[in-house]
Amino acid sequence: MNLDKKFKNIILIIVRDLFVASFLLLAIFSLLELIKPKIILNYLNFNLFFLVVLILGVITVLYFEPEYKEVKKLNFLDYSAIILFSVLIGIFSLYLTRAISWPSILVGVVGTVISYLLITIDYR
């Protein structure tokens, strides 16, 4: 039973690290694509890559249980910055997926919620 829990934790840590790495790659690829169009899109399906990032983010948010430690309480300015950053991530994801029409709105909202939950995961 204890071995099963350790295995689950290892898998969740791997998924979390894959999410962080794929999210950073998505940000870097997006920046490169804005600087020089078609440099990444010729080799990678951006929508599929973005879907993988979202799925890894959902799994991370739903199943990852962080170690709780004593942290400071968030004040209004902290919450404002977190919400602003989350909304900017949502707008960025909406911009990246604008080619897929109406699902891009859903992707933007999901991106906002996932980023908010991931940022505040240590403060819950």
Protein backbone atom coordinates (compact mmCIF):
# COMPACT_ATOMS: atom_id res chain seq x y z
CA MET A 1 0.00 0.00 0.00
CA ASN A 2 2.80 2.41 0.89
CA LEU A 3 4.67 1.47 -2.27
CA ASP A 4 1.58 2.30 -4.33
CA LYS A 5 1.42 5.77 -2.77
CA LYS A 6 5.12 6.39 -3.48
CA PHE A 7 4.64 5.29 -7.09
CA LYS A 8 1.66 7.65 -7.43
CA ASN A 9 3.71 10.53 -6.01
CA ILE A 10 6.57 9.83 -8.42
CA ILE A 11 4.16 9.80 -11.38
CA LEU A 12 2.56 13.06 -10.21
CA ILE A 13 5.96 14.72 -9.80
CA ILE A 14 6.90 13.61 -13.31
CA VAL A 15 3.61 14.97 -14.70
CA ARG A 16 4.13 18.26 -12.84
CA ASP A 17 7.67 18.60 -14.18
CA LEU A 18 6.49 17.75 -17.69
CA PHE A 19 3.83 20.44 -17.36
CA VAL A 20 6.35 23.06 -16.25
CA ALA A 21 8.78 22.11 -19.04
CA SER A 22 6.09 22.04 -21.72
CA PHE A 23 4.65 25.35 -20.51
CA LEU A 24 8.09 26.98 -20.70
CA LEU A 25 8.60 25.50 -24.17
CA LEU A 26 5.20 26.84 -25.21
CA ALA A 27 6.16 30.32 -24.01
CA ILE A 28 9.53 30.17 -25.79
CA PHE A 29 8.00 28.80 -29.01
CA SER A 30 5.29 31.47 -28.91
CA LEU A 31 7.86 34.21 -28.50
CA LEU A 32 9.91 32.82 -31.39
CA GLU A 33 6.76 32.58 -33.49
CA LEU A 34 5.92 36.22 -32.78
CA ILE A 35 9.44 37.30 -33.69
CA LYS A 36 9.73 35.22 -36.85
CA PRO A 37 6.48 33.67 -38.15
CA LYS A 38 6.41 30.03 -39.31
CA ILE A 39 9.72 29.15 -37.62
CA ILE A 40 8.00 26.69 -35.27
CA LEU A 41 4.66 26.10 -37.02
CA ASN A 42 6.42 24.41 -39.92
CA TYR A 43 7.52 21.60 -37.59
CA LEU A 44 5.00 21.52 -34.73
CA ASN A 45 1.22 21.57 -34.50
CA PHE A 46 0.72 24.38 -31.99
CA ASN A 47 -2.87 23.44 -31.16
CA LEU A 48 -1.92 19.86 -30.33
CA PHE A 49 1.04 21.01 -28.25
CA PHE A 50 -1.19 23.48 -26.41
CA LEU A 51 -3.71 20.70 -25.73
CA VAL A 52 -0.95 18.57 -24.18
CA VAL A 53 0.05 21.50 -21.95
CA LEU A 54 -3.56 21.98 -20.84
CA ILE A 55 -4.07 18.29 -20.07
CA LEU A 56 -0.86 18.14 -18.04
CA GLY A 57 -1.94 21.31 -16.22
CA VAL A 58 -5.35 19.87 -15.36
CA ILE A 59 -3.80 16.66 -14.05
CA THR A 60 -1.32 18.67 -11.99
CA VAL A 61 -4.02 20.87 -10.47
CA LEU A 62 -6.43 18.03 -9.72
CA TYR A 63 -4.10 15.42 -8.30
CA PHE A 64 -0.92 17.04 -7.04
CA GLU A 65 -0.87 17.43 -3.25
CA PRO A 66 1.88 19.83 -2.22
CA GLU A 67 3.64 19.64 1.10
CA TYR A 68 2.02 22.24 3.29
CA LYS A 69 4.27 24.60 5.11
CA GLU A 70 3.75 27.84 6.94
CA VAL A 71 3.32 30.62 4.39
CA LYS A 72 2.28 34.22 4.71
CA LYS A 73 -1.29 35.27 4.09
CA LEU A 74 -1.92 36.92 0.77
CA ASN A 75 -3.01 40.53 0.83
CA PHE A 76 -5.04 42.49 -1.71
CA LEU A 77 -2.00 43.46 -3.78
CA ASP A 78 -0.85 39.83 -3.98
CA TYR A 79 -4.28 38.66 -5.12
CA SER A 80 -4.47 41.50 -7.64
CA ALA A 81 -1.10 40.54 -9.14
CA ILE A 82 -2.05 36.85 -9.26
CA ILE A 83 -5.38 37.58 -10.95
CA LEU A 84 -3.74 39.97 -13.43
CA PHE A 85 -1.06 37.41 -14.29
CA SER A 86 -3.69 34.66 -14.69
CA VAL A 87 -5.81 36.82 -16.98
CA LEU A 88 -2.73 37.70 -19.06
CA ILE A 89 -1.98 33.99 -19.43
CA GLY A 90 -5.60 33.43 -20.51
CA ILE A 91 -5.40 36.23 -23.07
CA PHE A 92 -2.07 34.86 -24.32
CA SER A 93 -3.54 31.37 -24.72
CA LEU A 94 -6.58 32.87 -26.47
CA TYR A 95 -4.22 34.66 -28.86
CA LEU A 96 -2.24 31.48 -29.54
CA THR A 97 -5.33 29.42 -30.36
CA ARG A 98 -7.32 32.03 -32.26
CA ALA A 99 -7.19 29.86 -35.40
CA ILE A 100 -9.50 27.22 -33.90
CA SER A 101 -12.42 29.67 -33.58
CA TRP A 102 -14.87 29.25 -30.67
CA PRO A 103 -12.89 26.59 -28.72
CA SER A 104 -10.16 29.19 -28.29
CA ILE A 105 -12.42 31.04 -25.84
CA LEU A 106 -12.73 27.87 -23.78
CA VAL A 107 -8.96 27.39 -23.96
CA GLY A 108 -8.43 30.95 -22.73
CA VAL A 109 -10.78 30.49 -19.77
CA VAL A 110 -9.26 27.12 -18.87
CA GLY A 111 -5.77 28.61 -19.15
CA THR A 112 -6.76 31.42 -16.78
CA VAL A 113 -8.25 29.05 -14.20
CA ILE A 114 -5.33 26.61 -14.34
CA SER A 115 -2.75 29.36 -13.98
CA TYR A 116 -4.64 30.87 -11.01
CA LEU A 117 -4.88 27.49 -9.29
CA LEU A 118 -1.22 26.67 -9.93
CA ILE A 119 -0.03 30.04 -8.64
CA THR A 120 -2.08 29.84 -5.46
CA ILE A 121 -1.46 26.14 -4.80
CA ASP A 122 0.96 26.86 -1.96
CA TYR A 123 -1.38 29.35 -0.31
CA ARG A 124 -4.41 27.07 0.08
